[in-house]
Amino acid sequence: MKIKKFNKKKGILIWITGLSGSGKSSIAKKIYPTVIKKIGPTILINGDDLRKSFKLYGYSSNDRVENASKFSKLFNIITNQNISILFAAVGMKKKIRLIFKKSIKNYFEIYIEADLKKIKNKKKKKMYKIHKSNIFGQDIIPEFPKNSDIKINNDLKKNINQLNNDLKNKLNKFKFVFI
């Protein structure tokens, strides 16, 4: 069992990251009840929904870093009130992940690994057809996480329930200790 220590006076940011189309949002919705049972009060936030709410329509590398800085400030306010966040967003830049790691004391990262060619072949994400720029894996080189707390491989052959079970099993190997 892996032990992960957290400050008991703060909520946890559990970030599910991966390429667009890797299954982050679907997996987050499925795992949400388990997360609440494991760590208590938690809100689920989707990166796309957050962007729309704040009308943040820039997708360049600089826009993404700037957005991460803004989001981290909001998340800090929430986690400082001992409310956890399950956050599903792309974030395929080391600089973006560092912003969250440095600003949120209780940080836990889940990386959904998926092959971009397989995602494109599934044709579930229209953005790969419609947009030709500011897309991780197309014109922005993704910087994949190297030290995630959990890594799940989505070969796009498993259904969402199987991926959820894989993630639950890996999550259950962690003992969350609040000090």
Foldseek 3Di string as FASTA:
>chain_A
DAEDEDAQQFAAEEEEAEFVQLCQVVLCVLCVVVVCVQQNAEDEEEPVVVCVVVVQDDQAPVSLQVVLLVVLVVQLVRRNNVHYYYYYDHPQDPSSVVSNPVSGVRYAYEYEYEDPVVSVVVVPDCCVVPDQDSHDPRHNDGNHDDDHLHYHYCDVPDDSVVSNVVVSVSVVVYRYHHD
